Protein backbone atom coordinates (compact mmCIF):
# COMPACT_ATOMS: atom_id res chain seq x y z
CA MET A 1 -30.14 -29.61 -51.60
CA SER A 2 -31.88 -32.95 -52.15
CA THR A 3 -35.49 -33.38 -51.06
CA ASP A 4 -34.66 -36.89 -49.89
CA MET A 5 -37.29 -38.67 -47.74
CA THR A 6 -34.49 -40.12 -45.59
CA THR A 7 -31.50 -38.54 -43.92
CA THR A 8 -28.18 -38.74 -45.76
CA SER A 9 -26.89 -41.39 -43.36
CA ASP A 10 -29.98 -43.53 -43.90
CA ALA A 11 -30.12 -43.22 -47.70
CA HIS A 12 -29.35 -46.34 -49.71
CA LEU A 13 -30.29 -47.88 -53.07
CA PHE A 14 -33.58 -49.30 -51.76
CA SER A 15 -34.73 -46.32 -49.69
CA PRO A 16 -37.60 -44.11 -50.97
CA HIS A 17 -37.04 -40.68 -52.49
CA ALA A 18 -39.30 -37.70 -53.17
CA LEU A 19 -39.06 -36.33 -56.71
CA GLY A 20 -41.37 -33.36 -57.03
CA ALA A 21 -44.90 -34.68 -56.59
CA LEU A 22 -43.70 -38.26 -57.15
CA THR A 23 -42.75 -40.69 -54.40
CA LEU A 24 -40.14 -43.11 -55.68
CA PRO A 25 -40.10 -46.47 -53.88
CA HIS A 26 -36.32 -46.89 -54.35
CA ARG A 27 -33.37 -45.29 -56.19
CA ILE A 28 -33.00 -47.57 -59.28
CA ALA A 29 -33.92 -45.70 -62.48
CA LEU A 30 -34.12 -46.99 -66.04
CA ALA A 31 -31.59 -45.04 -68.11
CA PRO A 32 -32.51 -43.89 -71.64
CA LEU A 33 -31.67 -46.64 -74.13
CA THR A 34 -31.98 -46.26 -77.89
CA ARG A 35 -33.45 -49.51 -79.21
CA CYS A 36 -34.53 -48.52 -82.77
CA ARG A 37 -37.90 -50.31 -82.76
CA THR A 38 -40.24 -47.87 -84.56
CA GLY A 39 -41.31 -48.04 -88.19
CA VAL A 40 -40.72 -45.35 -90.79
CA ASP A 41 -43.48 -43.26 -89.16
CA ARG A 42 -41.40 -43.16 -85.94
CA VAL A 43 -44.54 -43.73 -83.85
CA PRO A 44 -44.25 -45.82 -80.64
CA SER A 45 -46.38 -48.95 -80.82
CA ALA A 46 -47.91 -51.58 -78.57
CA LEU A 47 -44.49 -53.27 -78.60
CA HIS A 48 -42.95 -50.19 -76.98
CA ALA A 49 -45.78 -50.08 -74.45
CA LEU A 50 -45.10 -53.70 -73.47
CA TYR A 51 -41.35 -53.11 -73.21
CA TYR A 52 -41.68 -50.16 -70.86
CA ALA A 53 -44.51 -51.73 -68.83
CA GLN A 54 -42.28 -54.75 -68.22
CA ARG A 55 -39.75 -52.36 -66.63
CA ALA A 56 -42.27 -50.31 -64.63
CA SER A 57 -40.72 -51.45 -61.34
CA ALA A 58 -37.93 -48.93 -61.99
CA ALA A 59 -38.10 -45.98 -59.61
CA ILE A 60 -38.49 -43.84 -62.71
CA ILE A 61 -38.32 -44.72 -66.41
CA ILE A 62 -36.45 -42.36 -68.70
CA THR A 63 -37.39 -43.29 -72.23
CA GLU A 64 -35.20 -43.66 -75.25
CA ALA A 65 -34.12 -40.40 -76.92
CA THR A 66 -37.05 -38.92 -78.85
CA GLN A 67 -36.56 -36.35 -81.58
CA ILE A 68 -38.35 -33.02 -81.28
CA SER A 69 -38.54 -32.41 -85.04
CA PRO A 70 -37.79 -34.06 -88.40
CA MET A 71 -34.44 -32.19 -88.46
CA GLY A 72 -33.51 -33.86 -85.17
CA VAL A 73 -33.31 -37.35 -86.74
CA GLY A 74 -30.03 -39.21 -87.09
CA TYR A 75 -30.81 -42.91 -86.70
CA ALA A 76 -33.18 -45.59 -87.95
CA GLY A 77 -36.19 -46.55 -85.85
CA THR A 78 -36.05 -43.79 -83.24
CA PRO A 79 -39.35 -42.24 -82.09
CA GLY A 80 -40.58 -38.68 -82.48
CA LEU A 81 -42.77 -36.35 -80.44
CA HIS A 82 -43.77 -33.67 -82.94
CA SER A 83 -47.06 -34.94 -84.42
CA ASP A 84 -50.49 -36.04 -83.24
CA ALA A 85 -49.62 -39.62 -84.21
CA HIS A 86 -46.52 -39.48 -82.03
CA VAL A 87 -48.58 -38.25 -79.09
CA GLU A 88 -51.03 -41.14 -79.50
CA GLY A 89 -48.18 -43.63 -79.72
CA TRP A 90 -46.56 -42.32 -76.57
CA LYS A 91 -49.92 -42.39 -74.82
CA LEU A 92 -49.92 -46.17 -75.32
CA VAL A 93 -46.60 -46.25 -73.47
CA THR A 94 -47.51 -43.96 -70.58
CA ASP A 95 -50.87 -45.67 -70.04
CA ALA A 96 -49.16 -49.08 -69.90
CA VAL A 97 -46.46 -47.87 -67.50
CA HIS A 98 -48.97 -46.20 -65.19
CA ALA A 99 -51.23 -49.26 -65.23
CA SER A 100 -48.20 -51.24 -64.04
CA GLY A 101 -47.48 -48.77 -61.23
CA GLY A 102 -44.58 -46.96 -62.88
CA ARG A 103 -43.49 -43.40 -63.59
CA VAL A 104 -42.12 -42.20 -66.95
CA PHE A 105 -40.18 -39.20 -68.28
CA ILE A 106 -39.75 -38.87 -72.07
CA GLN A 107 -36.28 -37.78 -73.20
CA LEU A 108 -36.27 -34.86 -75.69
CA TRP A 109 -33.57 -34.99 -78.37
CA HIS A 110 -32.09 -33.21 -81.37
CA VAL A 111 -28.99 -34.85 -82.84
CA GLY A 112 -27.67 -31.71 -84.54
CA ARG A 113 -24.66 -32.51 -86.71
CA VAL A 114 -24.86 -36.25 -85.90
CA SER A 115 -27.02 -36.82 -88.96
CA HIS A 116 -26.84 -36.93 -92.76
CA PRO A 117 -28.87 -35.49 -95.67
CA ASP A 118 -30.14 -39.03 -96.26
CA TRP A 119 -32.10 -38.78 -92.98
CA LEU A 120 -33.18 -35.19 -93.61
CA ASP A 121 -34.73 -35.39 -97.10
CA GLY A 122 -31.59 -33.92 -98.61
CA ARG A 123 -31.16 -31.07 -96.13
CA THR A 124 -27.84 -30.34 -94.43
CA PRO A 125 -27.54 -31.19 -90.72
CA VAL A 126 -27.38 -28.20 -88.38
CA SER A 127 -25.19 -27.40 -85.41
CA SER A 128 -23.64 -24.59 -83.39
CA SER A 129 -20.81 -24.35 -85.92
CA ALA A 130 -19.81 -25.76 -89.30
CA VAL A 131 -17.42 -28.32 -87.82
CA THR A 132 -17.52 -31.85 -89.21
CA ALA A 133 -17.45 -34.77 -86.78
CA ASN A 134 -14.82 -37.45 -87.25
CA GLY A 135 -16.19 -40.91 -87.91
CA LYS A 136 -19.11 -42.47 -89.74
CA LEU A 137 -22.84 -42.99 -89.33
CA ARG A 138 -25.37 -45.42 -90.73
CA ILE A 139 -27.86 -44.19 -93.35
CA ARG A 140 -31.20 -45.59 -94.58
CA ASP A 141 -29.77 -48.46 -96.64
CA GLY A 142 -27.69 -49.62 -93.66
CA SER A 143 -24.33 -48.56 -95.04
CA LEU A 144 -21.78 -46.57 -93.05
CA VAL A 145 -20.78 -43.22 -94.54
CA PRO A 146 -18.60 -40.34 -93.27
CA PHE A 147 -20.21 -37.47 -91.41
CA VAL A 148 -20.89 -34.40 -93.53
CA ALA A 149 -20.14 -30.78 -92.66
CA PRO A 150 -23.09 -29.30 -90.76
CA ARG A 151 -24.51 -25.82 -91.26
CA ALA A 152 -24.21 -23.31 -88.42
CA LEU A 153 -27.62 -22.24 -87.14
CA THR A 154 -28.68 -18.62 -87.36
CA THR A 155 -29.96 -16.91 -84.22
CA GLU A 156 -33.47 -16.96 -85.70
CA GLU A 157 -33.23 -20.70 -86.27
CA ILE A 158 -32.00 -21.23 -82.72
CA ALA A 159 -35.13 -19.50 -81.43
CA SER A 160 -37.28 -21.77 -83.58
CA ILE A 161 -35.58 -24.90 -82.22
CA VAL A 162 -36.13 -23.65 -78.66
CA GLN A 163 -39.84 -23.53 -79.47
CA GLU A 164 -39.68 -27.03 -80.94
CA TYR A 165 -38.41 -28.27 -77.58
CA ALA A 166 -41.34 -26.54 -75.88
CA ILE A 167 -43.85 -28.05 -78.31
CA ALA A 168 -42.39 -31.53 -77.79
CA ALA A 169 -42.59 -31.01 -74.01
CA ARG A 170 -46.26 -30.03 -74.27
CA ASN A 171 -46.83 -33.09 -76.45
CA ALA A 172 -45.28 -35.25 -73.73
CA MET A 173 -47.79 -33.83 -71.25
CA LEU A 174 -50.63 -34.53 -73.70
CA ALA A 175 -49.34 -38.09 -73.97
CA GLY A 176 -49.58 -38.50 -70.18
CA ALA A 177 -45.89 -38.49 -69.30
CA ASP A 178 -44.89 -37.64 -65.74
CA GLY A 179 -42.18 -35.40 -67.11
CA VAL A 180 -39.45 -34.89 -69.71
CA GLU A 181 -35.67 -35.05 -69.76
CA ILE A 182 -33.72 -32.58 -71.90
CA HIS A 183 -30.92 -34.50 -73.62
CA ALA A 184 -27.92 -32.17 -73.34
CA ALA A 185 -25.29 -34.94 -73.44
CA ASN A 186 -23.33 -37.28 -75.71
CA GLY A 187 -22.35 -34.83 -78.42
CA TYR A 188 -25.85 -34.03 -79.65
CA LEU A 189 -27.13 -30.55 -80.46
CA ILE A 190 -27.17 -28.92 -77.01
CA ASP A 191 -23.78 -30.45 -76.18
CA GLN A 192 -22.50 -29.04 -79.51
CA PHE A 193 -23.22 -25.58 -78.10
CA LEU A 194 -21.80 -26.27 -74.62
CA ARG A 195 -18.34 -27.55 -75.50
CA ASP A 196 -15.63 -25.31 -76.93
CA GLY A 197 -14.10 -28.16 -78.92
CA MET A 198 -17.13 -27.85 -81.18
CA ASN A 199 -18.65 -24.40 -80.64
CA GLN A 200 -16.70 -21.82 -82.66
CA ARG A 201 -19.36 -19.11 -82.67
CA THR A 202 -18.49 -15.48 -82.01
CA ASP A 203 -22.04 -14.27 -81.31
CA ALA A 204 -24.20 -14.45 -78.17
CA TYR A 205 -24.13 -18.29 -78.30
CA GLY A 206 -20.36 -18.82 -78.40
CA GLY A 207 -17.06 -17.94 -76.78
CA THR A 208 -17.46 -17.61 -73.02
CA ILE A 209 -19.02 -20.31 -70.86
CA GLU A 210 -21.97 -18.02 -70.17
CA ARG A 211 -22.64 -17.64 -73.89
CA ARG A 212 -22.15 -21.34 -74.67
CA MET A 213 -24.71 -22.17 -71.95
CA ARG A 214 -27.29 -19.80 -73.43
CA PHE A 215 -28.95 -22.33 -75.75
CA LEU A 216 -29.42 -24.84 -72.91
CA ARG A 217 -30.70 -22.08 -70.64
CA GLU A 218 -33.27 -20.99 -73.24
CA VAL A 219 -34.36 -24.56 -73.96
CA THR A 220 -34.74 -25.30 -70.25
CA GLU A 221 -36.70 -22.12 -69.65
CA ALA A 222 -39.09 -22.95 -72.52
CA VAL A 223 -39.55 -26.57 -71.42
CA VAL A 224 -40.13 -25.60 -67.78
CA ARG A 225 -42.73 -23.10 -68.94
CA ALA A 226 -44.45 -25.88 -70.90
CA CYS A 227 -44.35 -28.57 -68.19
CA GLY A 228 -43.61 -27.07 -64.80
CA CYS A 229 -40.23 -27.26 -63.10
CA SER A 230 -40.93 -30.46 -61.13
CA ARG A 231 -41.52 -32.30 -64.42
CA VAL A 232 -38.20 -31.48 -66.08
CA GLY A 233 -34.78 -33.11 -65.83
CA VAL A 234 -31.55 -32.42 -67.74
CA ARG A 235 -28.89 -34.91 -68.79
CA LEU A 236 -25.19 -34.00 -69.08
CA SER A 237 -22.06 -36.03 -69.93
CA PRO A 238 -19.12 -33.90 -68.78
CA THR A 239 -16.24 -36.22 -69.70
CA ASN A 240 -17.83 -38.30 -72.47
CA ARG A 241 -16.29 -37.77 -75.93
CA PHE A 242 -19.00 -39.66 -77.80
CA ASN A 243 -19.75 -38.17 -81.23
CA ASP A 244 -16.37 -36.42 -81.27
CA VAL A 245 -17.02 -33.63 -78.76
CA CYS A 246 -14.64 -32.34 -76.13
CA ASP A 247 -14.05 -29.28 -73.98
CA SER A 248 -10.81 -27.64 -72.92
CA ASN A 249 -11.99 -27.33 -69.29
CA PRO A 250 -14.97 -29.53 -68.39
CA HIS A 251 -14.21 -29.03 -64.69
CA GLU A 252 -15.07 -25.35 -65.10
CA LEU A 253 -17.81 -25.62 -67.73
CA PHE A 254 -20.09 -28.24 -66.23
CA PRO A 255 -20.23 -26.97 -62.62
CA ALA A 256 -21.18 -23.61 -64.18
CA VAL A 257 -23.93 -25.38 -66.14
CA ALA A 258 -25.19 -27.07 -62.96
CA SER A 259 -25.21 -23.75 -61.09
CA MET A 260 -27.11 -22.10 -63.96
CA LEU A 261 -29.73 -24.85 -63.86
CA ASN A 262 -30.42 -24.19 -60.16
CA GLN A 263 -32.59 -21.22 -61.12
CA PHE A 264 -35.15 -23.60 -62.66
CA HIS A 265 -35.69 -25.84 -59.58
CA LEU A 266 -35.63 -28.94 -61.79
CA ALA A 267 -36.84 -32.42 -60.91
CA TYR A 268 -33.27 -33.70 -61.26
CA LEU A 269 -29.87 -33.44 -62.93
CA HIS A 270 -28.81 -36.64 -64.70
CA VAL A 271 -25.05 -37.10 -65.07
CA LEU A 272 -23.43 -39.70 -67.32
CA GLU A 273 -19.94 -40.35 -65.95
CA GLY A 274 -19.23 -44.03 -65.56
CA VAL A 275 -17.36 -46.02 -62.98
CA GLU A 276 -13.78 -46.98 -63.73
CA GLY A 277 -13.61 -49.50 -66.55
CA SER A 278 -16.97 -48.59 -68.09
CA PRO A 279 -17.22 -47.05 -71.59
CA SER A 280 -18.44 -43.74 -70.14
CA ALA A 281 -15.69 -43.43 -67.51
CA PRO A 282 -13.39 -40.39 -67.73
CA ALA A 283 -10.26 -40.87 -69.81
CA SER A 284 -7.12 -41.88 -67.99
CA GLY A 285 -5.69 -38.93 -66.08
CA CYS A 286 -8.93 -36.94 -66.22
CA ALA A 287 -10.41 -36.17 -62.82
CA ARG A 288 -14.09 -36.91 -62.32
CA VAL A 289 -16.52 -34.01 -62.76
CA ALA A 290 -19.58 -35.60 -61.11
CA PRO A 291 -18.52 -34.69 -57.54
CA LEU A 292 -18.22 -31.05 -58.64
CA LEU A 293 -21.71 -31.18 -60.10
CA ARG A 294 -23.01 -32.64 -56.87
CA GLU A 295 -21.61 -29.64 -55.01
CA ALA A 296 -22.94 -27.13 -57.55
CA PHE A 297 -26.45 -28.49 -58.11
CA HIS A 298 -29.02 -27.96 -55.34
CA GLY A 299 -31.58 -30.60 -56.28
CA THR A 300 -31.86 -34.32 -56.91
CA MET A 301 -28.90 -35.78 -58.82
CA MET A 302 -28.88 -39.02 -60.78
CA ILE A 303 -25.67 -40.82 -61.80
CA ASN A 304 -25.28 -43.28 -64.69
CA GLY A 305 -22.54 -45.36 -66.25
CA GLY A 306 -21.56 -48.96 -65.51
CA TYR A 307 -22.94 -49.16 -61.97
CA ASP A 308 -24.09 -52.43 -60.40
CA ALA A 309 -26.00 -53.03 -57.17
CA ILE A 310 -22.92 -52.64 -54.97
CA THR A 311 -21.40 -49.57 -56.62
CA GLY A 312 -24.83 -47.98 -57.02
CA ASP A 313 -25.58 -48.42 -53.34
CA ALA A 314 -22.18 -46.95 -52.49
CA ALA A 315 -22.93 -43.90 -54.66
CA ILE A 316 -26.12 -43.28 -52.67
CA ARG A 317 -24.61 -43.92 -49.24
CA SER A 318 -21.60 -41.68 -49.96
CA GLY A 319 -23.86 -38.81 -50.97
CA LEU A 320 -22.50 -38.67 -54.55
CA SER A 321 -26.00 -39.12 -55.96
CA ASP A 322 -29.64 -39.53 -54.99
CA LEU A 323 -30.60 -41.90 -57.82
CA VAL A 324 -28.68 -44.37 -60.00
CA ALA A 325 -29.74 -45.00 -63.60
CA TYR A 326 -29.10 -48.43 -65.09
CA GLY A 327 -29.14 -49.12 -68.82
CA VAL A 328 -27.65 -52.38 -70.08
CA PRO A 329 -28.65 -54.44 -66.99
CA PHE A 330 -32.31 -53.50 -67.56
CA ILE A 331 -32.29 -54.85 -71.14
CA ALA A 332 -32.29 -58.53 -70.15
CA ASN A 333 -33.63 -58.07 -66.61
CA PRO A 334 -36.99 -56.27 -66.73
CA ASP A 335 -37.36 -56.86 -62.97
CA LEU A 336 -33.87 -55.54 -62.18
CA PRO A 337 -34.82 -53.81 -58.88
CA LEU A 338 -36.14 -57.11 -57.49
CA ARG A 339 -33.03 -59.00 -58.60
CA TYR A 340 -30.77 -56.42 -56.99
CA ARG A 341 -32.79 -56.45 -53.78
CA LEU A 342 -32.61 -60.24 -53.54
CA GLY A 343 -29.05 -60.57 -54.80
CA ALA A 344 -30.36 -62.80 -57.60
CA PRO A 345 -28.40 -63.65 -60.77
CA ILE A 346 -28.38 -61.05 -63.56
CA THR A 347 -29.14 -62.31 -67.08
CA PRO A 348 -26.64 -61.05 -69.69
CA PRO A 349 -28.23 -59.32 -72.72
CA GLN A 350 -27.86 -60.45 -76.32
CA GLN A 351 -25.91 -57.56 -77.82
CA ALA A 352 -26.78 -58.62 -81.37
CA THR A 353 -30.43 -57.71 -80.73
CA TRP A 354 -29.95 -54.37 -78.96
CA TYR A 355 -31.09 -52.44 -82.02
CA GLY A 356 -33.99 -52.96 -84.40
CA SER A 357 -34.85 -56.64 -84.01
CA GLY A 358 -38.56 -56.39 -83.21
CA ALA A 359 -39.67 -58.32 -80.14
CA THR A 360 -36.53 -60.48 -80.14
CA GLY A 361 -34.13 -59.27 -77.47
CA TYR A 362 -36.65 -56.57 -76.54
CA THR A 363 -39.77 -57.93 -74.86
CA ASP A 364 -38.89 -61.65 -74.69
CA TYR A 365 -36.67 -61.55 -71.58
CA ALA A 366 -38.52 -63.33 -68.77
CA PRO A 367 -38.89 -61.92 -65.26
CA MET A 368 -37.12 -63.81 -62.50
CA GLN A 369 -40.01 -66.00 -61.42
CA HIS A 370 -40.30 -67.35 -64.97
CA ALA A 371 -36.61 -67.45 -65.83
CA GLY A 372 -35.71 -70.42 -63.67
CA ASP A 373 -33.35 -68.26 -61.59
């Protein structure tokens, strides 16, 4: 059950919420947003620190996806958390957020097959199974090329990756983060083990739901051991087919995943399943899975995907979720919670500068009192 500071009938988007040792002033979280702003060293900089500090009024910041190892890379300009330099870069961010009164969880990420030898110094991407994704990805020179066939991980390699998650989690603590979020969504490595449309293994990590959940269970156990349960969240996307993943029965799989996660007493479960009309909404004719996860999971739940102030408030009041994560609205509105509270106009973002444009479209959006709103 939720450890809400208010009763269910009193809960709304602007009510406080207890999250482990943290007291959240409201329910509006910053969703993880890849913005591709690091250099080739993949170290967060003062620019990242400014960006996140500007958005420190979020109830909790969940950072952009951050790779746990060099083999976890699949995109330009994404940060890492597997070297001393990465730790120092992230410390700039956490210090800036804390100085501005905020709270920050770093999202831990391995892309698995959603990569290319060009990003991996000639090595083959890895996954649960040797199944090639449909579609294309962008490589170092900016060109789009087809996905390549990944290599199925051995059981020994799986154990090594579990430890890489634990090391990245410890690095997040060294960097001063309030916690970490395990990225188990959107067709990346953990999701490639969970879903039977991708996982074709016949060993202890494939076949039944229990076996397909094993990798996530081992990662979560290792990360909780590194950080403490109240500092760990997990993100799932039960009906999202991003990166060409699917499952024959998500309504059975994902409630089982949520029930399995109960044993870890996590800070929260973060579910990407958008409102109708949003890109992350379930396909036509597919029933929503989020309500089933709400029933199965015994802790704080966060929902994400196309919500605004009205629909987000309704999600809290109805009991569907305890927190609502907002992504795109936060890009151009660093003071989004204030705007929602006051019913102020929302600035539309410049989509052309979402990725890799330096400060432009990143830290140059003015807060409300300076925007002439």
